[in-house]
Amino acid sequence: MVRIRRLDPEQRAREKQAARDEDARRLAAGEITVAELAKENGFFAGFDLSKARITAIGKRRIGQKKP
């Protein structure tokens, strides 16, 4: 069975604001530095980049030996 979730923009806005408020609280309490927070909130924060590799740039494959 496929479940389709609908995005509630108002709920998402509340969630994002709550996250911002929590970030501000942690900063004010000295629980985290600005640099640590930036790393947590960065675009790639949810990815394990140690296992990532670039295999192509555009249509050009890289890192492979030519036959």
C-alpha atoms as a PDB file:
ATOM      1  CA  MET A   1       0.000   0.000   0.000  1.00  0.00           C
ATOM      2  CA  VAL A   2       1.296   3.434  -0.934  1.00  0.00           C
ATOM      3  CA  ARG A   3       0.607   6.238   1.507  1.00  0.00           C
ATOM      4  CA  ILE A   4       0.614   9.789   0.233  1.00  0.00           C
ATOM      5  CA  ARG A   5       1.313  12.512   2.776  1.00  0.00           C
ATOM      6  CA  ARG A   6       0.168  16.019   2.156  1.00  0.00           C
ATOM      7  CA  LEU A   7       2.427  18.826   3.258  1.00  0.00           C
ATOM      8  CA  ASP A   8       0.750  21.302   5.552  1.00  0.00           C
ATOM      9  CA  PRO A   9       2.715  24.521   4.954  1.00  0.00           C
ATOM     10  CA  GLU A  10       1.488  26.118   8.187  1.00  0.00           C
ATOM     11  CA  GLN A  11       2.516  23.066  10.244  1.00  0.00           C
ATOM     12  CA  ARG A  12       5.903  22.976   8.508  1.00  0.00           C
ATOM     13  CA  ALA A  13       6.409  26.688   9.266  1.00  0.00           C
ATOM     14  CA  ARG A  14       5.644  26.007  12.948  1.00  0.00           C
ATOM     15  CA  GLU A  15       8.125  23.107  12.996  1.00  0.00           C
ATOM     16  CA  LYS A  16      10.846  25.227  11.410  1.00  0.00           C
ATOM     17  CA  GLN A  17      10.241  28.074  13.855  1.00  0.00           C
ATOM     18  CA  ALA A  18      10.371  25.663  16.781  1.00  0.00           C
ATOM     19  CA  ALA A  19      13.723  24.364  15.493  1.00  0.00           C
ATOM     20  CA  ARG A  20      15.027  27.933  15.198  1.00  0.00           C
ATOM     21  CA  ASP A  21      13.851  28.712  18.718  1.00  0.00           C
ATOM     22  CA  GLU A  22      15.590  25.588  20.056  1.00  0.00           C
ATOM     23  CA  ASP A  23      18.791  26.529  18.219  1.00  0.00           C
ATOM     24  CA  ALA A  24      18.676  30.004  19.766  1.00  0.00           C
ATOM     25  CA  ARG A  25      18.083  28.534  23.232  1.00  0.00           C
ATOM     26  CA  ARG A  26      21.031  26.151  22.890  1.00  0.00           C
ATOM     27  CA  LEU A  27      23.289  28.985  21.732  1.00  0.00           C
ATOM     28  CA  ALA A  28      22.197  31.249  24.583  1.00  0.00           C
ATOM     29  CA  ALA A  29      22.755  28.459  27.118  1.00  0.00           C
ATOM     30  CA  GLY A  30      26.243  27.798  25.773  1.00  0.00           C
ATOM     31  CA  GLU A  31      25.340  24.216  24.889  1.00  0.00           C
ATOM     32  CA  ILE A  32      26.662  24.619  21.347  1.00  0.00           C
ATOM     33  CA  THR A  33      28.881  26.983  19.401  1.00  0.00           C
ATOM     34  CA  VAL A  34      27.891  28.864  16.281  1.00  0.00           C
ATOM     35  CA  ALA A  35      30.284  26.667  14.264  1.00  0.00           C
ATOM     36  CA  GLU A  36      28.774  23.452  15.668  1.00  0.00           C
ATOM     37  CA  LEU A  37      25.266  24.697  14.945  1.00  0.00           C
ATOM     38  CA  ALA A  38      26.230  25.637  11.391  1.00  0.00           C
ATOM     39  CA  LYS A  39      27.619  22.138  10.877  1.00  0.00           C
ATOM     40  CA  GLU A  40      24.448  20.517  12.288  1.00  0.00           C
ATOM     41  CA  ASN A  41      22.198  22.654  10.111  1.00  0.00           C
ATOM     42  CA  GLY A  42      24.304  22.426   6.959  1.00  0.00           C
ATOM     43  CA  PHE A  43      22.937  21.058   3.712  1.00  0.00           C
ATOM     44  CA  PHE A  44      24.920  17.829   3.953  1.00  0.00           C
ATOM     45  CA  ALA A  45      24.392  17.281   7.702  1.00  0.00           C
ATOM     46  CA  GLY A  46      22.228  14.214   7.144  1.00  0.00           C
ATOM     47  CA  PHE A  47      24.710  12.458   4.877  1.00  0.00           C
ATOM     48  CA  ASP A  48      27.726  10.318   5.755  1.00  0.00           C
ATOM     49  CA  LEU A  49      30.167  11.938   3.352  1.00  0.00           C
ATOM     50  CA  SER A  50      32.959   9.521   4.285  1.00  0.00           C
ATOM     51  CA  LYS A  51      31.308   7.012   1.955  1.00  0.00           C
ATOM     52  CA  ALA A  52      30.609   9.458  -0.864  1.00  0.00           C
ATOM     53  CA  ARG A  53      32.501   9.631  -4.120  1.00  0.00           C
ATOM     54  CA  ILE A  54      32.204  11.589  -7.319  1.00  0.00           C
ATOM     55  CA  THR A  55      31.761   9.324 -10.320  1.00  0.00           C
ATOM     56  CA  ALA A  56      30.808  11.848 -12.984  1.00  0.00           C
ATOM     57  CA  ILE A  57      30.633  15.527 -13.718  1.00  0.00           C
ATOM     58  CA  GLY A  58      27.774  16.115 -16.072  1.00  0.00           C
ATOM     59  CA  LYS A  59      27.896  13.316 -18.626  1.00  0.00           C
ATOM     60  CA  ARG A  60      31.649  12.862 -18.218  1.00  0.00           C
ATOM     61  CA  ARG A  61      32.582   9.880 -16.051  1.00  0.00           C
ATOM     62  CA  ILE A  62      35.645  10.344 -13.894  1.00  0.00           C
ATOM     63  CA  GLY A  63      37.915   8.095 -11.895  1.00  0.00           C
ATOM     64  CA  GLN A  64      37.854   5.222 -14.362  1.00  0.00           C
ATOM     65  CA  LYS A  65      40.714   4.000 -16.494  1.00  0.00           C
ATOM     66  CA  LYS A  66      40.201   4.094 -20.231  1.00  0.00           C
ATOM     67  CA  PRO A  67      40.310   0.701 -21.983  1.00  0.00           C
END
